[in-house]
mmCIF file of all heavy atoms, coordinates in Angstrom:
data_MODEL
# 
_entry.id   MODEL 
# 
loop_
_atom_site.group_PDB 
_atom_site.id 
_atom_site.type_symbol 
_atom_site.label_atom_id 
_atom_site.label_alt_id 
_atom_site.label_comp_id 
_atom_site.label_asym_id 
_atom_site.label_entity_id 
_atom_site.label_seq_id 
_atom_site.pdbx_PDB_ins_code 
_atom_site.Cartn_x 
_atom_site.Cartn_y 
_atom_site.Cartn_z 
_atom_site.occupancy 
_atom_site.B_iso_or_equiv 
_atom_site.pdbx_formal_charge 
_atom_site.auth_seq_id 
_atom_site.auth_comp_id 
_atom_site.auth_asym_id 
_atom_site.auth_atom_id 
_atom_site.pdbx_PDB_model_num 
ATOM 1   N N   . MET A 1 1  ? -19.119 -4.441  -32.934 1.00 0.00 ? 1  MET A N   1 
ATOM 2   C CA  . MET A 1 1  ? -19.613 -4.932  -31.644 1.00 0.00 ? 1  MET A CA  1 
ATOM 3   C C   . MET A 1 1  ? -18.409 -5.311  -30.714 1.00 0.00 ? 1  MET A C   1 
ATOM 4   O O   . MET A 1 1  ? -18.514 -5.215  -29.509 1.00 0.00 ? 1  MET A O   1 
ATOM 5   C CB  . MET A 1 1  ? -20.565 -6.116  -31.789 1.00 0.00 ? 1  MET A CB  1 
ATOM 6   C CG  . MET A 1 1  ? -21.875 -5.664  -32.354 1.00 0.00 ? 1  MET A CG  1 
ATOM 7   S SD  . MET A 1 1  ? -23.184 -6.926  -32.146 1.00 0.00 ? 1  MET A SD  1 
ATOM 8   C CE  . MET A 1 1  ? -23.537 -6.730  -30.395 1.00 0.00 ? 1  MET A CE  1 
ATOM 9   N N   . LYS A 1 2  ? -17.294 -5.801  -31.320 1.00 0.00 ? 2  LYS A N   1 
ATOM 10  C CA  . LYS A 1 2  ? -16.103 -6.081  -30.560 1.00 0.00 ? 2  LYS A CA  1 
ATOM 11  C C   . LYS A 1 2  ? -16.378 -7.030  -29.368 1.00 0.00 ? 2  LYS A C   1 
ATOM 12  O O   . LYS A 1 2  ? -15.807 -6.860  -28.308 1.00 0.00 ? 2  LYS A O   1 
ATOM 13  C CB  . LYS A 1 2  ? -15.439 -4.811  -30.054 1.00 0.00 ? 2  LYS A CB  1 
ATOM 14  C CG  . LYS A 1 2  ? -15.170 -3.778  -31.146 1.00 0.00 ? 2  LYS A CG  1 
ATOM 15  C CD  . LYS A 1 2  ? -14.099 -4.226  -32.136 1.00 0.00 ? 2  LYS A CD  1 
ATOM 16  C CE  . LYS A 1 2  ? -13.806 -3.178  -33.140 1.00 0.00 ? 2  LYS A CE  1 
ATOM 17  N NZ  . LYS A 1 2  ? -12.901 -3.647  -34.231 1.00 0.00 ? 2  LYS A NZ  1 
ATOM 18  N N   . LEU A 1 3  ? -17.258 -7.997  -29.521 1.00 0.00 ? 3  LEU A N   1 
ATOM 19  C CA  . LEU A 1 3  ? -17.560 -8.879  -28.389 1.00 0.00 ? 3  LEU A CA  1 
ATOM 20  C C   . LEU A 1 3  ? -17.177 -10.300 -28.738 1.00 0.00 ? 3  LEU A C   1 
ATOM 21  O O   . LEU A 1 3  ? -17.280 -10.761 -29.926 1.00 0.00 ? 3  LEU A O   1 
ATOM 22  C CB  . LEU A 1 3  ? -19.039 -8.823  -28.105 1.00 0.00 ? 3  LEU A CB  1 
ATOM 23  C CG  . LEU A 1 3  ? -19.625 -7.568  -27.551 1.00 0.00 ? 3  LEU A CG  1 
ATOM 24  C CD1 . LEU A 1 3  ? -21.153 -7.713  -27.334 1.00 0.00 ? 3  LEU A CD1 1 
ATOM 25  C CD2 . LEU A 1 3  ? -19.013 -7.200  -26.209 1.00 0.00 ? 3  LEU A CD2 1 
ATOM 26  N N   . LYS A 1 4  ? -16.679 -11.035 -27.773 1.00 0.00 ? 4  LYS A N   1 
ATOM 27  C CA  . LYS A 1 4  ? -16.455 -12.449 -27.909 1.00 0.00 ? 4  LYS A CA  1 
ATOM 28  C C   . LYS A 1 4  ? -17.792 -13.167 -27.731 1.00 0.00 ? 4  LYS A C   1 
ATOM 29  O O   . LYS A 1 4  ? -18.659 -12.716 -27.026 1.00 0.00 ? 4  LYS A O   1 
ATOM 30  C CB  . LYS A 1 4  ? -15.429 -12.947 -26.906 1.00 0.00 ? 4  LYS A CB  1 
ATOM 31  C CG  . LYS A 1 4  ? -14.053 -12.292 -27.096 1.00 0.00 ? 4  LYS A CG  1 
ATOM 32  C CD  . LYS A 1 4  ? -13.090 -12.686 -26.006 1.00 0.00 ? 4  LYS A CD  1 
ATOM 33  C CE  . LYS A 1 4  ? -13.395 -11.862 -24.723 1.00 0.00 ? 4  LYS A CE  1 
ATOM 34  N NZ  . LYS A 1 4  ? -12.326 -12.057 -23.648 1.00 0.00 ? 4  LYS A NZ  1 
ATOM 35  N N   . VAL A 1 5  ? -17.934 -14.345 -28.331 1.00 0.00 ? 5  VAL A N   1 
ATOM 36  C CA  . VAL A 1 5  ? -19.178 -15.064 -28.335 1.00 0.00 ? 5  VAL A CA  1 
ATOM 37  C C   . VAL A 1 5  ? -19.103 -16.302 -27.450 1.00 0.00 ? 5  VAL A C   1 
ATOM 38  O O   . VAL A 1 5  ? -18.146 -17.028 -27.478 1.00 0.00 ? 5  VAL A O   1 
ATOM 39  C CB  . VAL A 1 5  ? -19.614 -15.480 -29.764 1.00 0.00 ? 5  VAL A CB  1 
ATOM 40  C CG1 . VAL A 1 5  ? -20.918 -16.327 -29.700 1.00 0.00 ? 5  VAL A CG1 1 
ATOM 41  C CG2 . VAL A 1 5  ? -19.810 -14.309 -30.627 1.00 0.00 ? 5  VAL A CG2 1 
ATOM 42  N N   . VAL A 1 6  ? -20.133 -16.492 -26.620 1.00 0.00 ? 6  VAL A N   1 
ATOM 43  C CA  . VAL A 1 6  ? -20.230 -17.739 -25.851 1.00 0.00 ? 6  VAL A CA  1 
ATOM 44  C C   . VAL A 1 6  ? -21.547 -18.359 -26.116 1.00 0.00 ? 6  VAL A C   1 
ATOM 45  O O   . VAL A 1 6  ? -22.633 -17.690 -26.019 1.00 0.00 ? 6  VAL A O   1 
ATOM 46  C CB  . VAL A 1 6  ? -20.008 -17.413 -24.268 1.00 0.00 ? 6  VAL A CB  1 
ATOM 47  C CG1 . VAL A 1 6  ? -21.047 -16.353 -23.787 1.00 0.00 ? 6  VAL A CG1 1 
ATOM 48  C CG2 . VAL A 1 6  ? -20.075 -18.688 -23.469 1.00 0.00 ? 6  VAL A CG2 1 
ATOM 49  N N   . GLU A 1 7  ? -21.573 -19.635 -26.455 1.00 0.00 ? 7  GLU A N   1 
ATOM 50  C CA  . GLU A 1 7  ? -22.721 -20.394 -26.882 1.00 0.00 ? 7  GLU A CA  1 
ATOM 51  C C   . GLU A 1 7  ? -22.819 -21.681 -26.076 1.00 0.00 ? 7  GLU A C   1 
ATOM 52  O O   . GLU A 1 7  ? -22.338 -22.741 -26.536 1.00 0.00 ? 7  GLU A O   1 
ATOM 53  C CB  . GLU A 1 7  ? -22.750 -20.668 -28.389 1.00 0.00 ? 7  GLU A CB  1 
ATOM 54  C CG  . GLU A 1 7  ? -22.718 -19.396 -29.228 1.00 0.00 ? 7  GLU A CG  1 
ATOM 55  C CD  . GLU A 1 7  ? -22.485 -19.712 -30.707 1.00 0.00 ? 7  GLU A CD  1 
ATOM 56  O OE1 . GLU A 1 7  ? -21.606 -20.573 -31.042 1.00 0.00 ? 7  GLU A OE1 1 
ATOM 57  O OE2 . GLU A 1 7  ? -23.152 -19.077 -31.535 1.00 0.00 ? 7  GLU A OE2 1 
ATOM 58  N N   . PRO A 1 8  ? -23.366 -21.670 -24.883 1.00 0.00 ? 8  PRO A N   1 
ATOM 59  C CA  . PRO A 1 8  ? -23.309 -22.868 -24.026 1.00 0.00 ? 8  PRO A CA  1 
ATOM 60  C C   . PRO A 1 8  ? -24.115 -24.068 -24.547 1.00 0.00 ? 8  PRO A C   1 
ATOM 61  O O   . PRO A 1 8  ? -23.894 -25.191 -24.057 1.00 0.00 ? 8  PRO A O   1 
ATOM 62  C CB  . PRO A 1 8  ? -23.902 -22.386 -22.698 1.00 0.00 ? 8  PRO A CB  1 
ATOM 63  C CG  . PRO A 1 8  ? -24.499 -21.076 -22.949 1.00 0.00 ? 8  PRO A CG  1 
ATOM 64  C CD  . PRO A 1 8  ? -23.987 -20.533 -24.217 1.00 0.00 ? 8  PRO A CD  1 
ATOM 65  N N   . LEU A 1 9  ? -24.978 -23.836 -25.541 1.00 0.00 ? 9  LEU A N   1 
ATOM 66  C CA  . LEU A 1 9  ? -25.851 -24.938 -26.029 1.00 0.00 ? 9  LEU A CA  1 
ATOM 67  C C   . LEU A 1 9  ? -25.466 -25.398 -27.395 1.00 0.00 ? 9  LEU A C   1 
ATOM 68  O O   . LEU A 1 9  ? -26.253 -26.195 -28.036 1.00 0.00 ? 9  LEU A O   1 
ATOM 69  C CB  . LEU A 1 9  ? -27.316 -24.520 -25.988 1.00 0.00 ? 9  LEU A CB  1 
ATOM 70  C CG  . LEU A 1 9  ? -27.824 -24.000 -24.674 1.00 0.00 ? 9  LEU A CG  1 
ATOM 71  C CD1 . LEU A 1 9  ? -29.288 -23.515 -24.821 1.00 0.00 ? 9  LEU A CD1 1 
ATOM 72  C CD2 . LEU A 1 9  ? -27.755 -25.070 -23.587 1.00 0.00 ? 9  LEU A CD2 1 
ATOM 73  N N   . ASN A 1 10 ? -24.390 -24.964 -27.974 1.00 0.00 ? 10 ASN A N   1 
ATOM 74  C CA  . ASN A 1 10 ? -24.154 -25.188 -29.401 1.00 0.00 ? 10 ASN A CA  1 
ATOM 75  C C   . ASN A 1 10 ? -23.732 -26.680 -29.731 1.00 0.00 ? 10 ASN A C   1 
ATOM 76  O O   . ASN A 1 10 ? -23.435 -26.991 -30.856 1.00 0.00 ? 10 ASN A O   1 
ATOM 77  C CB  . ASN A 1 10 ? -23.150 -24.213 -30.038 1.00 0.00 ? 10 ASN A CB  1 
ATOM 78  C CG  . ASN A 1 10 ? -21.756 -24.353 -29.429 1.00 0.00 ? 10 ASN A CG  1 
ATOM 79  O OD1 . ASN A 1 10 ? -21.460 -25.181 -28.550 1.00 0.00 ? 10 ASN A OD1 1 
ATOM 80  N ND2 . ASN A 1 10 ? -20.814 -23.586 -29.930 1.00 0.00 ? 10 ASN A ND2 1 
ATOM 81  N N   . THR A 1 11 ? -23.739 -27.532 -28.740 1.00 0.00 ? 11 THR A N   1 
ATOM 82  C CA  . THR A 1 11 ? -23.514 -28.933 -28.997 1.00 0.00 ? 11 THR A CA  1 
ATOM 83  C C   . THR A 1 11 ? -24.809 -29.768 -28.738 1.00 0.00 ? 11 THR A C   1 
ATOM 84  O O   . THR A 1 11 ? -24.711 -31.029 -28.893 1.00 0.00 ? 11 THR A O   1 
ATOM 85  C CB  . THR A 1 11 ? -22.394 -29.459 -28.104 1.00 0.00 ? 11 THR A CB  1 
ATOM 86  O OG1 . THR A 1 11 ? -22.817 -29.356 -26.686 1.00 0.00 ? 11 THR A OG1 1 
ATOM 87  C CG2 . THR A 1 11 ? -21.107 -28.764 -28.322 1.00 0.00 ? 11 THR A CG2 1 
ATOM 88  N N   . LEU A 1 12 ? -25.893 -29.150 -28.461 1.00 0.00 ? 12 LEU A N   1 
ATOM 89  C CA  . LEU A 1 12 ? -27.149 -29.857 -28.111 1.00 0.00 ? 12 LEU A CA  1 
ATOM 90  C C   . LEU A 1 12 ? -28.193 -29.773 -29.135 1.00 0.00 ? 12 LEU A C   1 
ATOM 91  O O   . LEU A 1 12 ? -28.372 -28.742 -29.824 1.00 0.00 ? 12 LEU A O   1 
ATOM 92  C CB  . LEU A 1 12 ? -27.697 -29.301 -26.770 1.00 0.00 ? 12 LEU A CB  1 
ATOM 93  C CG  . LEU A 1 12 ? -26.844 -29.418 -25.518 1.00 0.00 ? 12 LEU A CG  1 
ATOM 94  C CD1 . LEU A 1 12 ? -27.655 -28.938 -24.323 1.00 0.00 ? 12 LEU A CD1 1 
ATOM 95  C CD2 . LEU A 1 12 ? -26.318 -30.796 -25.294 1.00 0.00 ? 12 LEU A CD2 1 
ATOM 96  N N   . PHE A 1 13 ? -28.991 -30.837 -29.302 1.00 0.00 ? 13 PHE A N   1 
ATOM 97  C CA  . PHE A 1 13 ? -30.196 -30.814 -30.061 1.00 0.00 ? 13 PHE A CA  1 
ATOM 98  C C   . PHE A 1 13 ? -31.356 -30.263 -29.187 1.00 0.00 ? 13 PHE A C   1 
ATOM 99  O O   . PHE A 1 13 ? -31.248 -30.210 -27.949 1.00 0.00 ? 13 PHE A O   1 
ATOM 100 C CB  . PHE A 1 13 ? -30.540 -32.260 -30.517 1.00 0.00 ? 13 PHE A CB  1 
ATOM 101 C CG  . PHE A 1 13 ? -29.661 -32.787 -31.576 1.00 0.00 ? 13 PHE A CG  1 
ATOM 102 C CD1 . PHE A 1 13 ? -28.609 -33.667 -31.260 1.00 0.00 ? 13 PHE A CD1 1 
ATOM 103 C CD2 . PHE A 1 13 ? -29.857 -32.429 -32.916 1.00 0.00 ? 13 PHE A CD2 1 
ATOM 104 C CE1 . PHE A 1 13 ? -27.782 -34.190 -32.219 1.00 0.00 ? 13 PHE A CE1 1 
ATOM 105 C CE2 . PHE A 1 13 ? -28.988 -32.915 -33.919 1.00 0.00 ? 13 PHE A CE2 1 
ATOM 106 C CZ  . PHE A 1 13 ? -27.970 -33.785 -33.571 1.00 0.00 ? 13 PHE A CZ  1 
ATOM 107 N N   . LYS A 1 14 ? -32.448 -29.884 -29.858 1.00 0.00 ? 14 LYS A N   1 
ATOM 108 C CA  . LYS A 1 14 ? -33.562 -29.230 -29.120 1.00 0.00 ? 14 LYS A CA  1 
ATOM 109 C C   . LYS A 1 14 ? -34.063 -30.054 -27.948 1.00 0.00 ? 14 LYS A C   1 
ATOM 110 O O   . LYS A 1 14 ? -34.276 -29.502 -26.848 1.00 0.00 ? 14 LYS A O   1 
ATOM 111 C CB  . LYS A 1 14 ? -34.703 -28.936 -30.107 1.00 0.00 ? 14 LYS A CB  1 
ATOM 112 C CG  . LYS A 1 14 ? -35.947 -28.346 -29.476 1.00 0.00 ? 14 LYS A CG  1 
ATOM 113 C CD  . LYS A 1 14 ? -35.727 -26.902 -29.053 1.00 0.00 ? 14 LYS A CD  1 
ATOM 114 C CE  . LYS A 1 14 ? -35.772 -25.942 -30.222 1.00 0.00 ? 14 LYS A CE  1 
ATOM 115 N NZ  . LYS A 1 14 ? -35.706 -24.528 -29.806 1.00 0.00 ? 14 LYS A NZ  1 
ATOM 116 N N   . ASP A 1 15 ? -34.301 -31.353 -28.139 1.00 0.00 ? 15 ASP A N   1 
ATOM 117 C CA  . ASP A 1 15 ? -34.858 -32.172 -27.039 1.00 0.00 ? 15 ASP A CA  1 
ATOM 118 C C   . ASP A 1 15 ? -33.844 -32.316 -25.925 1.00 0.00 ? 15 ASP A C   1 
ATOM 119 O O   . ASP A 1 15 ? -34.199 -32.371 -24.769 1.00 0.00 ? 15 ASP A O   1 
ATOM 120 C CB  . ASP A 1 15 ? -35.260 -33.542 -27.557 1.00 0.00 ? 15 ASP A CB  1 
ATOM 121 C CG  . ASP A 1 15 ? -34.135 -34.287 -28.211 1.00 0.00 ? 15 ASP A CG  1 
ATOM 122 O OD1 . ASP A 1 15 ? -33.376 -33.646 -28.998 1.00 0.00 ? 15 ASP A OD1 1 
ATOM 123 O OD2 . ASP A 1 15 ? -34.040 -35.511 -28.032 1.00 0.00 ? 15 ASP A OD2 1 
ATOM 124 N N   . GLU A 1 16 ? -32.536 -32.252 -26.246 1.00 0.00 ? 16 GLU A N   1 
ATOM 125 C CA  . GLU A 1 16 ? -31.528 -32.295 -25.210 1.00 0.00 ? 16 GLU A CA  1 
ATOM 126 C C   . GLU A 1 16 ? -31.517 -30.961 -24.433 1.00 0.00 ? 16 GLU A C   1 
ATOM 127 O O   . GLU A 1 16 ? -31.304 -31.004 -23.220 1.00 0.00 ? 16 GLU A O   1 
ATOM 128 C CB  . GLU A 1 16 ? -30.115 -32.503 -25.862 1.00 0.00 ? 16 GLU A CB  1 
ATOM 129 C CG  . GLU A 1 16 ? -30.007 -33.881 -26.453 1.00 0.00 ? 16 GLU A CG  1 
ATOM 130 C CD  . GLU A 1 16 ? -28.708 -34.029 -27.281 1.00 0.00 ? 16 GLU A CD  1 
ATOM 131 O OE1 . GLU A 1 16 ? -28.203 -33.050 -27.850 1.00 0.00 ? 16 GLU A OE1 1 
ATOM 132 O OE2 . GLU A 1 16 ? -28.213 -35.185 -27.348 1.00 0.00 ? 16 GLU A OE2 1 
ATOM 133 N N   . VAL A 1 17 ? -31.752 -29.860 -25.087 1.00 0.00 ? 17 VAL A N   1 
ATOM 134 C CA  . VAL A 1 17 ? -31.874 -28.561 -24.432 1.00 0.00 ? 17 VAL A CA  1 
ATOM 135 C C   . VAL A 1 17 ? -33.017 -28.608 -23.417 1.00 0.00 ? 17 VAL A C   1 
ATOM 136 O O   . VAL A 1 17 ? -32.865 -28.173 -22.283 1.00 0.00 ? 17 VAL A O   1 
ATOM 137 C CB  . VAL A 1 17 ? -32.075 -27.390 -25.414 1.00 0.00 ? 17 VAL A CB  1 
ATOM 138 C CG1 . VAL A 1 17 ? -32.286 -26.108 -24.642 1.00 0.00 ? 17 VAL A CG1 1 
ATOM 139 C CG2 . VAL A 1 17 ? -30.888 -27.268 -26.326 1.00 0.00 ? 17 VAL A CG2 1 
ATOM 140 N N   . ARG A 1 18 ? -34.129 -29.203 -23.836 1.00 0.00 ? 18 ARG A N   1 
ATOM 141 C CA  . ARG A 1 18 ? -35.295 -29.316 -22.929 1.00 0.00 ? 18 ARG A CA  1 
ATOM 142 C C   . ARG A 1 18 ? -34.996 -30.162 -21.690 1.00 0.00 ? 18 ARG A C   1 
ATOM 143 O O   . ARG A 1 18 ? -35.363 -29.827 -20.546 1.00 0.00 ? 18 ARG A O   1 
ATOM 144 C CB  . ARG A 1 18 ? -36.497 -29.862 -23.664 1.00 0.00 ? 18 ARG A CB  1 
ATOM 145 C CG  . ARG A 1 18 ? -37.125 -28.884 -24.605 1.00 0.00 ? 18 ARG A CG  1 
ATOM 146 C CD  . ARG A 1 18 ? -38.566 -29.310 -24.944 1.00 0.00 ? 18 ARG A CD  1 
ATOM 147 N NE  . ARG A 1 18 ? -39.291 -28.287 -25.694 1.00 0.00 ? 18 ARG A NE  1 
ATOM 148 C CZ  . ARG A 1 18 ? -39.377 -28.222 -26.987 1.00 0.00 ? 18 ARG A CZ  1 
ATOM 149 N NH1 . ARG A 1 18 ? -38.851 -29.166 -27.775 1.00 0.00 ? 18 ARG A NH1 1 
ATOM 150 N NH2 . ARG A 1 18 ? -40.023 -27.207 -27.581 1.00 0.00 ? 18 ARG A NH2 1 
ATOM 151 N N   . ARG A 1 19 ? -34.249 -31.291 -21.923 1.00 0.00 ? 19 ARG A N   1 
ATOM 152 C CA  . ARG A 1 19 ? -33.856 -32.128 -20.749 1.00 0.00 ? 19 ARG A CA  1 
ATOM 153 C C   . ARG A 1 19 ? -32.939 -31.396 -19.791 1.00 0.00 ? 19 ARG A C   1 
ATOM 154 O O   . ARG A 1 19 ? -33.065 -31.494 -18.596 1.00 0.00 ? 19 ARG A O   1 
ATOM 155 C CB  . ARG A 1 19 ? -33.234 -33.430 -21.253 1.00 0.00 ? 19 ARG A CB  1 
ATOM 156 C CG  . ARG A 1 19 ? -34.240 -34.385 -21.922 1.00 0.00 ? 19 ARG A CG  1 
ATOM 157 C CD  . ARG A 1 19 ? -33.711 -35.805 -21.913 1.00 0.00 ? 19 ARG A CD  1 
ATOM 158 N NE  . ARG A 1 19 ? -32.555 -35.958 -22.861 1.00 0.00 ? 19 ARG A NE  1 
ATOM 159 C CZ  . ARG A 1 19 ? -32.714 -36.253 -24.137 1.00 0.00 ? 19 ARG A CZ  1 
ATOM 160 N NH1 . ARG A 1 19 ? -33.910 -36.387 -24.657 1.00 0.00 ? 19 ARG A NH1 1 
ATOM 161 N NH2 . ARG A 1 19 ? -31.638 -36.384 -24.925 1.00 0.00 ? 19 ARG A NH2 1 
ATOM 162 N N   . VAL A 1 20 ? -31.996 -30.629 -20.349 1.00 0.00 ? 20 VAL A N   1 
ATOM 163 C CA  . VAL A 1 20 ? -31.132 -29.838 -19.531 1.00 0.00 ? 20 VAL A CA  1 
ATOM 164 C C   . VAL A 1 20 ? -31.902 -28.796 -18.750 1.00 0.00 ? 20 VAL A C   1 
ATOM 165 O O   . VAL A 1 20 ? -31.676 -28.595 -17.502 1.00 0.00 ? 20 VAL A O   1 
ATOM 166 C CB  . VAL A 1 20 ? -29.992 -29.137 -20.377 1.00 0.00 ? 20 VAL A CB  1 
ATOM 167 C CG1 . VAL A 1 20 ? -29.278 -28.067 -19.564 1.00 0.00 ? 20 VAL A CG1 1 
ATOM 168 C CG2 . VAL A 1 20 ? -29.011 -30.139 -20.923 1.00 0.00 ? 20 VAL A CG2 1 
ATOM 169 N N   . GLY A 1 21 ? -32.868 -28.168 -19.397 1.00 0.00 ? 21 GLY A N   1 
ATOM 170 C CA  . GLY A 1 21 ? -33.674 -27.184 -18.757 1.00 0.00 ? 21 GLY A CA  1 
ATOM 171 C C   . GLY A 1 21 ? -34.510 -27.778 -17.627 1.00 0.00 ? 21 GLY A C   1 
ATOM 172 O O   . GLY A 1 21 ? -34.660 -27.157 -16.564 1.00 0.00 ? 21 GLY A O   1 
ATOM 173 N N   . LYS A 1 22 ? -34.971 -28.985 -17.836 1.00 0.00 ? 22 LYS A N   1 
ATOM 174 C CA  . LYS A 1 22 ? -35.790 -29.638 -16.783 1.00 0.00 ? 22 LYS A CA  1 
ATOM 175 C C   . LYS A 1 22 ? -34.886 -29.961 -15.595 1.00 0.00 ? 22 LYS A C   1 
ATOM 176 O O   . LYS A 1 22 ? -35.261 -29.763 -14.434 1.00 0.00 ? 22 LYS A O   1 
ATOM 177 C CB  . LYS A 1 22 ? -36.442 -30.932 -17.287 1.00 0.00 ? 22 LYS A CB  1 
ATOM 178 C CG  . LYS A 1 22 ? -37.482 -31.544 -16.434 1.00 0.00 ? 22 LYS A CG  1 
ATOM 179 C CD  . LYS A 1 22 ? -38.222 -32.593 -17.090 1.00 0.00 ? 22 LYS A CD  1 
ATOM 180 C CE  . LYS A 1 22 ? -39.395 -33.130 -16.291 1.00 0.00 ? 22 LYS A CE  1 
ATOM 181 N NZ  . LYS A 1 22 ? -40.463 -32.089 -16.125 1.00 0.00 ? 22 LYS A NZ  1 
ATOM 182 N N   . THR A 1 23 ? -33.648 -30.390 -15.854 1.00 0.00 ? 23 THR A N   1 
ATOM 183 C CA  . THR A 1 23 ? -32.714 -30.691 -14.771 1.00 0.00 ? 23 THR A CA  1 
ATOM 184 C C   . THR A 1 23 ? -32.341 -29.375 -13.978 1.00 0.00 ? 23 THR A C   1 
ATOM 185 O O   . THR A 1 23 ? -32.125 -29.471 -12.782 1.00 0.00 ? 23 THR A O   1 
ATOM 186 C CB  . THR A 1 23 ? -31.454 -31.355 -15.316 1.00 0.00 ? 23 THR A CB  1 
ATOM 187 O OG1 . THR A 1 23 ? -31.830 -32.532 -16.040 1.00 0.00 ? 23 THR A OG1 1 
ATOM 188 C CG2 . THR A 1 23 ? -30.460 -31.753 -14.208 1.00 0.00 ? 23 THR A CG2 1 
ATOM 189 N N   . LEU A 1 24 ? -32.317 -28.255 -14.717 1.00 0.00 ? 24 LEU A N   1 
ATOM 190 C CA  . LEU A 1 24 ? -32.005 -27.015 -14.094 1.00 0.00 ? 24 LEU A CA  1 
ATOM 191 C C   . LEU A 1 24 ? -33.241 -26.441 -13.309 1.00 0.00 ? 24 LEU A C   1 
ATOM 192 O O   . LEU A 1 24 ? -33.085 -25.411 -12.577 1.00 0.00 ? 24 LEU A O   1 
ATOM 193 C CB  . LEU A 1 24 ? -31.652 -25.977 -15.176 1.00 0.00 ? 24 LEU A CB  1 
ATOM 194 C CG  . LEU A 1 24 ? -30.283 -26.065 -15.787 1.00 0.00 ? 24 LEU A CG  1 
ATOM 195 C CD1 . LEU A 1 24 ? -30.140 -25.185 -17.031 1.00 0.00 ? 24 LEU A CD1 1 
ATOM 196 C CD2 . LEU A 1 24 ? -29.128 -25.781 -14.794 1.00 0.00 ? 24 LEU A CD2 1 
# 
């Protein structure tokens, strides 16, 4: 695949992801 990986949420728990989504 030769691709670099970007994971913008890999420091968040599920409920934190939802709060970020709501703010977005």
